[in-house]
Amino acid sequence: MGIRTGQQYLDKLNSMRPHIAIDGEVVSENIAEHPAFRNVARSYAKLFDLQHDPRFQSVLTYQSPSSGDRVNASFLVPRSQEDLAHRRAAISSWAEYSNGFLGRTGDYMNSALTALAAAEKWFAQADPDFGENIRRYYEYCRENDLLATHTLIPPQVNRSVSGSEQLGGQLAARVVEERADGIVVHGARMLATSAPIADELLVFPSTVLRSTPEDAPYSYAFAIPNDTPGLRYLCRTSLYTGKGVHDEPLAGRFEEMDAVVIFDHVFVPRERIFMLGHPELCNAFYSETGAAALMTHQVVTRTIAKSEFFLGLAAELASSIGIDGFQHIQEDLAELIQAVEIGKALMRASEADAAPSEDGVMLPKWSTLNAARNWYPKVAQRFPQIIRKFSASGLMALPGEADLHSESLADIELYLQAKTLTGPERVRLFKLAYDASVSAFSGRQALYEYFFFGDPVRMAGALVNSYQTEPLQARVREFLARED
């Protein structure tokens, strides 16, 4: 089959029968037509369509090694720096379409599956079947152009104990039965972004597991279709209020839903299990397979596009109302320029210093990407602050789209014009600034980026513990011992 069109994606989505709870109702059919999911599903559909656009196809796709069909470039196993550059160009094309506001596009989990499948031998340590399963599943997703979401952590109930200890171990998703043909899973997981509009759910190892018998039921990796019997999604309320893309230009297009995942005695077939038991292997699931490197390569590419958007928005706001000549405004613009260029530099450095893994996969340098994923979540918190500063009270003086088609239009044209924009044009620009810096959508975006890879404090500790400082310490000791 190879690459899908947007319509094929929407048709498949509407044909599925998942269990999605949102705002007191259960949605189980025609998902792509529901008001909470319709617009974002069509944004995802546009990404699928871009694969067929002659302007983008050579960047977004490559020829499948098995079928010869065109498949998405995020499934390309990088064997060279040129392959990494191809992957980045494809990811960037999608990221620039959404300006980085779609955080769970298919290329994110595709990147994980690509690295995991190439590490087939690593999975075979636990069971030869697991190695074959992950490779076959990757090929299945690649050849059918599937969109996957994923879920990682136990419910946030009592963080003073491990997931396996919460309510006597009855809360976190766990294996409650092992059978010859598969396993049965019961409990809950957080937090599946874009779950309602996905084809598949990937359930990968959670936070650090202890190598004890008690943690064995929580040690697994598998994949299931999004409408598997017993699988339920409990969604938050949508942040899109339905006012249209004029009044909600970002939320009206890119409002990705987040959901708690509930497994009610869900059966997982043997062929879809990639790891079972082996807490010590589950703890190394991302680092030893290269998945963390390729996933972070995708994320950094996306966040560069997002940084560029905020720089462009801030510059457009400044010039439109004539504040771009003020030094304190230029200082903030310089901060945004630095964020863009640092992100690009870290990306380039990670690719320039890439090296092949034991499996022959060309992986970008992990220490550089690790620095990037620790740096961006904090610096990104400044972006909406700068937009609010530039816009000031202009964010609180925004009539709605309906006012542009009423007798108020004359007042809008006269009193809300800008140095370089008409009144209606200024309203439209500032609506975008509002949705990027003040709205509920923008608040969720800030939270999402801050905790994307987990607790920043724990991430910082992991960065320190993984970084080789001894050679640098030795240089200090050598300097102190010098006798000039």
Protein backbone atom coordinates (compact mmCIF):
# COMPACT_ATOMS: atom_id res chain seq x y z
CA MET A 1 0.00 0.00 0.00
CA GLY A 2 2.61 2.59 1.03
CA ILE A 3 1.76 6.22 1.76
CA ARG A 4 -1.89 7.01 2.45
CA THR A 5 -3.85 10.05 1.36
CA GLY A 6 -5.58 12.23 3.88
CA GLN A 7 -8.95 10.86 2.83
CA GLN A 8 -7.78 7.27 3.31
CA TYR A 9 -6.62 8.18 6.80
CA LEU A 10 -9.97 9.81 7.65
CA ASP A 11 -11.94 6.91 6.19
CA LYS A 12 -9.97 4.42 8.27
CA LEU A 13 -10.44 6.56 11.37
CA ASN A 14 -14.20 6.73 10.83
CA SER A 15 -14.41 2.98 10.28
CA MET A 16 -12.84 2.14 13.66
CA ARG A 17 -14.88 1.46 16.79
CA PRO A 18 -12.87 2.69 19.78
CA HIS A 19 -14.22 3.62 23.22
CA ILE A 20 -13.55 7.34 23.77
CA ALA A 21 -15.10 9.14 26.74
CA ILE A 22 -15.25 12.93 26.51
CA ASP A 23 -17.46 15.44 28.30
CA GLY A 24 -19.93 12.85 29.53
CA GLU A 25 -20.43 11.00 26.25
CA VAL A 26 -18.87 7.93 24.69
CA VAL A 27 -17.76 8.30 21.09
CA SER A 28 -17.30 5.00 19.28
CA GLU A 29 -17.77 5.74 15.60
CA ASN A 30 -17.12 8.45 13.01
CA ILE A 31 -14.36 9.84 15.21
CA ALA A 32 -13.15 12.26 12.56
CA GLU A 33 -16.55 13.98 12.53
CA HIS A 34 -16.75 14.70 16.26
CA PRO A 35 -16.35 18.43 17.05
CA ALA A 36 -13.48 17.76 19.48
CA PHE A 37 -11.45 15.83 16.91
CA ARG A 38 -12.64 16.94 13.49
CA ASN A 39 -10.28 19.84 12.87
CA VAL A 40 -7.12 18.24 14.20
CA ALA A 41 -7.89 15.05 12.28
CA ARG A 42 -8.02 17.11 9.11
CA SER A 43 -4.71 18.75 9.99
CA TYR A 44 -3.22 15.27 10.27
CA ALA A 45 -4.91 14.36 6.98
CA LYS A 46 -3.12 17.30 5.36
CA LEU A 47 0.21 15.80 6.46
CA PHE A 48 -0.68 12.54 4.73
CA ASP A 49 -1.63 14.49 1.60
CA LEU A 50 1.70 16.32 1.56
CA GLN A 51 3.36 12.96 0.92
CA HIS A 52 1.61 12.88 -2.47
CA ASP A 53 2.39 16.50 -3.36
CA PRO A 54 5.10 16.57 -6.08
CA ARG A 55 6.77 19.45 -4.24
CA PHE A 56 7.32 17.36 -1.12
CA GLN A 57 7.24 13.70 -2.12
CA SER A 58 10.98 13.25 -2.63
CA VAL A 59 11.61 14.77 0.79
CA LEU A 60 8.79 13.11 2.70
CA THR A 61 9.13 9.58 1.28
CA TYR A 62 11.52 6.89 0.12
CA GLN A 63 11.16 3.56 -1.66
CA SER A 64 10.26 0.65 0.58
CA PRO A 65 12.98 -2.02 0.60
CA SER A 66 10.33 -4.76 0.67
CA SER A 67 7.42 -3.59 -1.50
CA GLY A 68 8.99 -0.90 -3.64
CA ASP A 69 6.12 1.45 -2.72
CA ARG A 70 6.70 4.99 -1.52
CA VAL A 71 6.71 5.04 2.30
CA ASN A 72 7.22 7.81 4.83
CA ALA A 73 10.83 8.89 5.34
CA SER A 74 10.50 8.65 9.12
CA PHE A 75 10.65 4.86 8.62
CA LEU A 76 14.02 5.15 6.88
CA VAL A 77 16.71 3.29 8.85
CA PRO A 78 19.62 5.76 8.73
CA ARG A 79 22.85 4.14 7.60
CA SER A 80 24.67 7.38 6.79
CA GLN A 81 24.68 11.06 7.61
CA GLU A 82 22.84 11.62 4.34
CA ASP A 83 20.05 9.38 5.61
CA LEU A 84 19.86 11.42 8.81
CA ALA A 85 19.62 14.59 6.75
CA HIS A 86 16.80 13.02 4.69
CA ARG A 87 14.91 12.11 7.84
CA ARG A 88 15.37 15.62 9.26
CA ALA A 89 14.18 17.28 6.05
CA ALA A 90 11.03 15.15 6.09
CA ILE A 91 10.33 15.84 9.75
CA SER A 92 10.95 19.55 9.19
CA SER A 93 8.46 19.66 6.32
CA TRP A 94 5.69 18.35 8.56
CA ALA A 95 6.78 20.49 11.52
CA GLU A 96 6.76 23.68 9.46
CA TYR A 97 3.19 22.96 8.33
CA SER A 98 2.00 23.06 11.96
CA ASN A 99 4.76 25.45 13.10
CA GLY A 100 5.68 22.82 15.69
CA PHE A 101 2.30 22.91 17.45
CA LEU A 102 1.46 19.30 16.53
CA GLY A 103 3.57 17.42 19.02
CA ARG A 104 2.56 13.85 18.18
CA THR A 105 2.73 13.62 14.41
CA GLY A 106 3.37 10.13 13.07
CA ASP A 107 7.09 10.68 12.56
CA TYR A 108 7.65 10.72 16.33
CA MET A 109 6.62 7.14 17.05
CA ASN A 110 7.77 6.05 13.58
CA SER A 111 11.25 7.13 14.65
CA ALA A 112 11.00 4.97 17.75
CA LEU A 113 9.81 1.95 15.77
CA THR A 114 12.59 2.40 13.22
CA ALA A 115 15.30 2.26 15.86
CA LEU A 116 13.62 -0.59 17.75
CA ALA A 117 13.23 -2.74 14.64
CA ALA A 118 16.88 -2.23 13.71
CA ALA A 119 17.76 -3.43 17.22
CA GLU A 120 16.03 -6.77 16.64
CA LYS A 121 18.92 -8.68 18.21
CA TRP A 122 18.55 -6.69 21.42
CA PHE A 123 14.95 -7.87 21.80
CA ALA A 124 16.01 -11.43 21.03
CA GLN A 125 17.95 -11.45 24.31
CA ALA A 126 14.62 -11.91 26.05
CA ASP A 127 12.99 -14.09 23.39
CA PRO A 128 13.79 -14.62 19.70
CA ASP A 129 10.09 -14.12 18.98
CA PHE A 130 10.23 -10.59 20.39
CA GLY A 131 12.92 -9.61 17.91
CA GLU A 132 10.86 -10.91 15.01
CA ASN A 133 7.72 -9.31 16.40
CA ILE A 134 9.17 -5.79 16.58
CA ARG A 135 10.65 -6.05 13.08
CA ARG A 136 7.41 -7.34 11.56
CA TYR A 137 5.35 -4.74 13.37
CA TYR A 138 7.61 -1.94 12.13
CA GLU A 139 7.23 -3.25 8.58
CA TYR A 140 3.46 -3.45 9.02
CA CYS A 141 3.27 0.18 10.15
CA ARG A 142 5.66 1.30 7.40
CA GLU A 143 3.80 -0.44 4.59
CA ASN A 144 0.37 0.72 5.81
CA ASP A 145 1.42 4.26 6.82
CA LEU A 146 -0.16 3.93 10.25
CA LEU A 147 -0.41 6.65 12.89
CA ALA A 148 0.50 5.52 16.40
CA THR A 149 0.09 7.12 19.78
CA HIS A 150 1.78 5.81 22.91
CA THR A 151 1.43 5.71 26.67
CA LEU A 152 4.19 5.50 29.25
CA ILE A 153 3.58 6.32 32.90
CA PRO A 154 1.30 5.05 35.70
CA PRO A 155 -1.55 7.22 37.00
CA GLN A 156 -0.55 10.23 39.08
CA VAL A 157 -2.03 9.04 42.37
CA ASN A 158 0.70 8.64 44.96
CA ARG A 159 4.12 9.52 43.64
CA SER A 160 5.78 8.72 46.97
CA VAL A 161 5.65 5.04 45.97
CA SER A 162 6.35 3.20 42.73
CA GLY A 163 3.62 2.45 40.23
CA SER A 164 3.59 -1.18 41.30
CA GLU A 165 2.78 -0.13 44.87
CA GLN A 166 -0.09 2.29 44.25
CA LEU A 167 -3.29 0.96 45.83
CA GLY A 168 -1.60 -2.35 46.35
CA GLY A 169 -0.54 -2.52 42.73
CA GLN A 170 -4.12 -2.31 41.44
CA LEU A 171 -3.91 1.00 39.56
CA ALA A 172 -1.05 0.87 37.07
CA ALA A 173 -1.54 -1.24 33.94
CA ARG A 174 -0.10 -4.68 34.57
CA VAL A 175 -0.09 -8.18 33.16
CA VAL A 176 -2.76 -10.13 35.03
CA GLU A 177 -2.62 -13.29 32.92
CA GLU A 178 -0.07 -14.95 30.66
CA ARG A 179 -1.34 -17.41 28.07
CA ALA A 180 0.27 -19.36 25.28
CA ASP A 181 -1.32 -17.04 22.71
CA GLY A 182 -0.73 -13.73 24.53
CA ILE A 183 -1.27 -11.73 27.69
CA VAL A 184 -4.13 -9.96 29.46
CA VAL A 185 -3.49 -6.42 30.73
CA HIS A 186 -5.54 -4.53 33.32
CA GLY A 187 -5.16 -1.06 34.87
CA ALA A 188 -4.39 2.42 33.60
CA ARG A 189 -1.64 4.47 32.01
CA MET A 190 -1.00 8.15 31.31
CA LEU A 191 -0.90 10.05 28.97
CA ALA A 192 -1.77 9.30 25.34
CA THR A 193 -1.67 12.42 23.18
CA SER A 194 -3.74 12.34 19.97
CA ALA A 195 -5.10 8.96 21.05
CA PRO A 196 -8.62 9.39 19.60
CA ILE A 197 -7.31 9.98 16.08
CA ALA A 198 -4.62 7.29 16.00
CA ASP A 199 -4.63 3.88 14.34
CA GLU A 200 -2.50 2.11 16.94
CA LEU A 201 -1.49 2.37 20.59
CA LEU A 202 2.11 1.61 21.56
CA VAL A 203 2.54 0.62 25.19
CA PHE A 204 6.22 0.91 26.04
CA PRO A 205 8.17 0.50 29.30
CA SER A 206 7.32 2.98 32.01
CA THR A 207 9.57 4.92 34.35
CA VAL A 208 12.43 3.07 36.05
CA LEU A 209 11.43 -0.41 37.14
CA ARG A 210 13.00 -2.32 39.98
CA SER A 211 14.44 -5.73 39.24
CA THR A 212 12.12 -7.43 41.69
CA PRO A 213 9.38 -10.03 41.23
CA GLU A 214 6.84 -7.34 42.20
CA ASP A 215 7.74 -5.25 39.13
CA ALA A 216 7.66 -8.12 36.64
CA PRO A 217 3.93 -7.65 35.79
CA TYR A 218 4.67 -4.01 34.90
CA SER A 219 7.55 -4.89 32.58
CA TYR A 220 6.35 -5.12 28.99
CA ALA A 221 6.19 -3.53 25.57
CA PHE A 222 3.44 -4.19 23.05
CA ALA A 223 1.16 -2.63 20.43
CA ILE A 224 -2.58 -2.95 19.87
CA PRO A 225 -5.15 -1.43 17.49
CA ASN A 226 -6.89 1.64 18.85
CA ASP A 227 -10.26 -0.11 18.97
CA THR A 228 -9.13 -3.26 20.75
CA PRO A 229 -11.91 -4.65 23.01
CA GLY A 230 -11.51 -3.49 26.60
CA LEU A 231 -9.38 -0.46 25.68
CA ARG A 232 -10.88 2.84 26.84
CA TYR A 233 -9.72 6.44 26.54
CA LEU A 234 -10.75 9.04 29.10
CA CYS A 235 -10.21 12.45 27.48
CA ARG A 236 -9.88 15.92 28.93
CA THR A 237 -12.22 18.66 27.74
CA SER A 238 -11.25 20.08 24.37
CA LEU A 239 -9.42 23.39 24.41
CA TYR A 240 -11.03 24.34 21.10
CA THR A 241 -14.30 26.16 21.75
CA GLY A 242 -15.61 25.95 18.19
CA LYS A 243 -15.33 29.62 17.23
CA GLY A 244 -13.43 28.91 14.02
CA VAL A 245 -9.87 29.44 12.88
CA HIS A 246 -10.17 33.23 12.76
CA ASP A 247 -10.78 33.48 16.50
CA GLU A 248 -8.81 30.34 17.42
CA PRO A 249 -6.17 30.02 14.69
CA LEU A 250 -4.04 27.47 16.55
CA ALA A 251 -6.60 25.60 18.67
CA GLY A 252 -8.90 25.48 15.66
CA ARG A 253 -6.30 23.47 13.74
CA PHE A 254 -3.87 21.80 16.14
CA GLU A 255 -5.74 20.95 19.35
CA GLU A 256 -4.31 17.50 20.05
CA MET A 257 -6.35 15.60 22.61
CA ASP A 258 -4.74 14.02 25.68
CA ALA A 259 -6.25 10.94 27.30
CA VAL A 260 -5.82 8.54 30.17
CA VAL A 261 -5.62 4.97 28.86
CA ILE A 262 -7.66 2.31 30.65
CA PHE A 263 -7.07 -1.38 30.02
CA ASP A 264 -10.08 -3.45 31.08
CA HIS A 265 -8.66 -6.96 30.79
CA VAL A 266 -7.29 -6.25 27.32
CA PHE A 267 -5.96 -9.25 25.42
CA VAL A 268 -2.65 -8.69 23.57
CA PRO A 269 -1.76 -11.39 21.01
CA ARG A 270 1.64 -13.01 21.27
CA GLU A 271 2.78 -11.62 17.92
CA ARG A 272 2.28 -8.06 19.16
CA ILE A 273 4.43 -8.43 22.28
CA PHE A 274 7.96 -6.99 22.07
CA MET A 275 9.08 -7.45 25.67
CA LEU A 276 7.66 -9.30 28.65
CA GLY A 277 9.25 -9.41 32.07
CA HIS A 278 12.95 -8.50 32.23
CA PRO A 279 12.75 -5.18 34.13
CA GLU A 280 16.46 -4.63 33.52
CA LEU A 281 15.92 -4.71 29.75
CA CYS A 282 12.84 -2.52 30.01
CA ASN A 283 14.93 0.10 31.82
CA ALA A 284 17.36 0.12 28.89
CA PHE A 285 14.61 0.05 26.26
CA TYR A 286 15.34 3.51 24.86
CA SER A 287 19.05 3.96 25.46
CA GLU A 288 20.38 0.63 24.23
CA THR A 289 18.19 0.41 21.12
CA GLY A 290 18.85 3.91 19.81
CA ALA A 291 15.16 4.81 20.12
CA ALA A 292 15.89 7.77 22.38
CA ALA A 293 18.30 9.23 19.84
CA LEU A 294 15.97 9.01 16.83
CA MET A 295 12.94 10.18 18.84
CA THR A 296 14.85 13.18 20.16
CA HIS A 297 16.16 13.92 16.67
CA GLN A 298 12.52 14.28 15.62
CA VAL A 299 11.62 16.41 18.63
CA VAL A 300 14.50 18.85 18.22
CA THR A 301 13.62 19.25 14.54
CA ARG A 302 10.04 20.06 15.51
CA THR A 303 11.00 22.51 18.23
CA ILE A 304 13.28 24.39 15.84
CA ALA A 305 10.20 25.01 13.67
CA LYS A 306 8.30 26.18 16.74
CA SER A 307 11.08 28.54 17.78
CA GLU A 308 11.11 29.99 14.28
CA PHE A 309 7.36 30.55 14.48
CA PHE A 310 7.63 32.53 17.71
CA LEU A 311 10.47 34.61 16.29
CA GLY A 312 8.40 35.34 13.18
CA LEU A 313 5.30 36.16 15.23
CA ALA A 314 7.19 38.47 17.58
CA ALA A 315 8.87 40.29 14.70
CA GLU A 316 5.54 40.68 12.88
CA LEU A 317 3.88 42.07 16.00
CA ALA A 318 6.73 44.50 16.63
CA SER A 319 6.77 45.88 13.11
CA SER A 320 2.97 46.08 12.85
CA ILE A 321 2.62 48.47 15.79
CA GLY A 322 5.94 50.25 15.37
CA ILE A 323 7.84 49.02 18.42
CA ASP A 324 10.61 47.22 16.52
CA GLY A 325 13.02 50.13 16.95
CA PHE A 326 12.95 50.08 20.75
CA GLN A 327 16.03 48.54 22.36
CA HIS A 328 14.16 46.50 24.97
CA ILE A 329 12.10 44.97 22.16
CA GLN A 330 15.22 44.21 20.14
CA GLU A 331 16.72 42.52 23.20
CA ASP A 332 13.79 40.11 23.29
CA LEU A 333 13.97 39.53 19.54
CA ALA A 334 17.66 38.75 19.97
CA GLU A 335 16.73 36.17 22.61
CA LEU A 336 14.40 34.47 20.15
CA ILE A 337 17.05 34.58 17.41
CA GLN A 338 19.48 32.89 19.79
CA ALA A 339 16.95 30.17 20.56
CA VAL A 340 16.49 29.45 16.86
CA GLU A 341 20.20 29.39 16.10
CA ILE A 342 21.17 27.34 19.16
CA GLY A 343 18.55 24.76 18.23
CA LYS A 344 19.89 24.57 14.68
CA ALA A 345 23.48 24.36 15.91
CA LEU A 346 22.71 21.51 18.31
CA MET A 347 20.93 19.64 15.54
CA ARG A 348 23.80 20.12 13.11
CA ALA A 349 26.37 19.09 15.71
CA SER A 350 24.43 15.94 16.57
CA GLU A 351 24.40 14.92 12.91
CA ALA A 352 28.01 15.92 12.23
CA ASP A 353 29.17 13.76 15.14
CA ALA A 354 26.80 10.88 14.36
CA ALA A 355 28.20 7.36 14.63
CA PRO A 356 26.91 3.89 13.73
CA SER A 357 25.45 1.69 16.44
CA GLU A 358 26.31 -1.99 16.84
CA ASP A 359 23.41 -2.66 14.48
CA GLY A 360 24.81 -0.31 11.85
CA VAL A 361 22.27 2.44 12.47
CA MET A 362 23.71 5.94 12.07
CA LEU A 363 22.62 7.64 15.28
CA PRO A 364 22.98 11.37 15.98
CA LYS A 365 25.26 12.09 18.91
CA TRP A 366 23.26 11.44 22.03
CA SER A 367 25.04 13.81 24.43
CA THR A 368 24.30 16.74 22.10
CA LEU A 369 20.65 15.80 21.69
CA ASN A 370 20.39 15.19 25.43
CA ALA A 371 21.63 18.73 26.03
CA ALA A 372 19.06 20.04 23.54
CA ARG A 373 16.16 18.22 25.18
CA ASN A 374 17.19 19.58 28.59
CA TRP A 375 17.64 23.14 27.29
CA TYR A 376 14.53 23.67 25.15
CA PRO A 377 11.72 22.97 27.67
CA LYS A 378 12.96 25.81 29.86
CA VAL A 379 13.84 28.37 27.20
CA ALA A 380 10.50 27.74 25.46
CA GLN A 381 8.66 29.09 28.50
CA ARG A 382 9.96 32.53 27.54
CA PHE A 383 8.32 32.51 24.10
CA PRO A 384 4.72 33.24 25.17
CA GLN A 385 6.02 35.73 27.73
CA ILE A 386 7.66 37.74 24.97
CA ILE A 387 4.51 37.64 22.85
CA ARG A 388 2.47 38.93 25.80
CA LYS A 389 4.98 41.71 26.40
CA PHE A 390 4.92 42.84 22.76
CA SER A 391 1.12 42.66 22.50
CA ALA A 392 0.30 44.05 25.95
CA SER A 393 -3.30 45.25 26.30
CA GLY A 394 -3.83 44.63 22.59
CA LEU A 395 -4.52 41.01 23.55
CA MET A 396 -7.53 42.18 25.57
CA ALA A 397 -9.04 44.35 22.84
CA LEU A 398 -9.98 41.77 20.26
CA PRO A 399 -13.49 41.67 18.80
CA GLY A 400 -14.61 38.38 17.30
CA GLU A 401 -14.96 37.36 13.69
CA ALA A 402 -18.68 38.06 13.80
CA ASP A 403 -17.95 41.72 14.56
CA LEU A 404 -16.12 42.03 11.25
CA HIS A 405 -19.42 41.30 9.53
CA SER A 406 -21.50 43.72 11.57
CA GLU A 407 -21.98 47.44 11.96
CA SER A 408 -18.86 47.42 14.19
CA LEU A 409 -16.61 47.00 11.17
CA ALA A 410 -16.20 50.76 10.72
CA ASP A 411 -15.02 51.15 14.32
CA ILE A 412 -12.62 48.23 13.92
CA GLU A 413 -11.18 49.73 10.76
CA LEU A 414 -10.67 53.12 12.38
CA TYR A 415 -9.67 52.37 15.96
CA LEU A 416 -7.93 48.98 15.75
CA GLN A 417 -5.69 49.63 12.77
CA ALA A 418 -1.92 49.27 13.16
CA LYS A 419 1.08 51.01 11.65
CA THR A 420 1.27 48.49 8.82
CA LEU A 421 -2.11 46.73 9.01
CA THR A 422 -5.78 47.50 8.58
CA GLY A 423 -8.06 47.01 11.56
CA PRO A 424 -9.28 43.54 10.47
CA GLU A 425 -5.71 42.49 9.65
CA ARG A 426 -4.49 43.61 13.05
CA VAL A 427 -7.28 41.72 14.80
CA ARG A 428 -6.37 38.55 12.92
CA LEU A 429 -2.68 38.86 13.83
CA PHE A 430 -3.41 39.55 17.48
CA LYS A 431 -5.84 36.64 17.60
CA LEU A 432 -2.89 34.46 16.63
CA ALA A 433 -0.76 36.09 19.31
CA TYR A 434 -3.53 35.45 21.85
CA ASP A 435 -3.80 31.77 20.94
CA ALA A 436 -0.01 31.43 21.16
CA SER A 437 0.42 33.14 24.52
CA VAL A 438 -2.75 33.60 26.60
CA SER A 439 -5.39 31.03 25.67
CA ALA A 440 -5.97 27.67 27.29
CA PHE A 441 -4.41 26.14 24.19
CA SER A 442 -1.19 28.08 24.78
CA GLY A 443 -1.13 27.07 28.44
CA ARG A 444 -1.39 23.41 27.52
CA GLN A 445 1.40 23.89 24.95
CA ALA A 446 3.71 25.39 27.59
CA LEU A 447 3.00 22.53 30.00
CA TYR A 448 3.40 19.96 27.24
CA GLU A 449 6.84 21.25 26.21
CA TYR A 450 8.04 21.62 29.80
CA PHE A 451 7.28 18.01 30.71
CA PHE A 452 7.70 16.47 27.25
CA PHE A 453 10.49 14.12 28.31
CA GLY A 454 9.51 13.97 31.97
CA ASP A 455 10.48 15.79 35.14
CA PRO A 456 13.16 18.38 34.22
CA VAL A 457 14.95 17.79 37.51
CA ARG A 458 15.27 14.06 36.90
CA MET A 459 16.26 14.75 33.32
CA ALA A 460 19.01 17.05 34.52
CA GLY A 461 20.25 14.35 36.86
CA ALA A 462 20.26 11.82 34.04
CA LEU A 463 22.19 14.24 31.84
CA VAL A 464 24.83 14.77 34.52
CA ASN A 465 25.14 11.06 35.27
CA SER A 466 25.53 10.16 31.60
CA TYR A 467 28.04 12.86 30.70
CA GLN A 468 31.74 12.07 30.87
CA THR A 469 33.30 14.83 32.98
CA GLU A 470 36.37 12.89 34.12
CA PRO A 471 38.59 14.00 31.18
CA LEU A 472 37.71 17.61 31.97
CA GLN A 473 38.36 17.10 35.67
CA ALA A 474 41.71 15.56 34.76
CA ARG A 475 42.59 18.72 32.83
CA VAL A 476 41.83 20.79 35.93
CA ARG A 477 44.01 18.53 38.09
CA GLU A 478 46.79 18.68 35.52
CA PHE A 479 46.63 22.47 35.50
CA LEU A 480 46.82 22.66 39.28
CA ALA A 481 49.87 20.35 39.24
CA ARG A 482 51.80 22.39 36.72
CA GLU A 483 55.11 23.90 37.77
CA ASP A 484 55.84 26.74 35.32
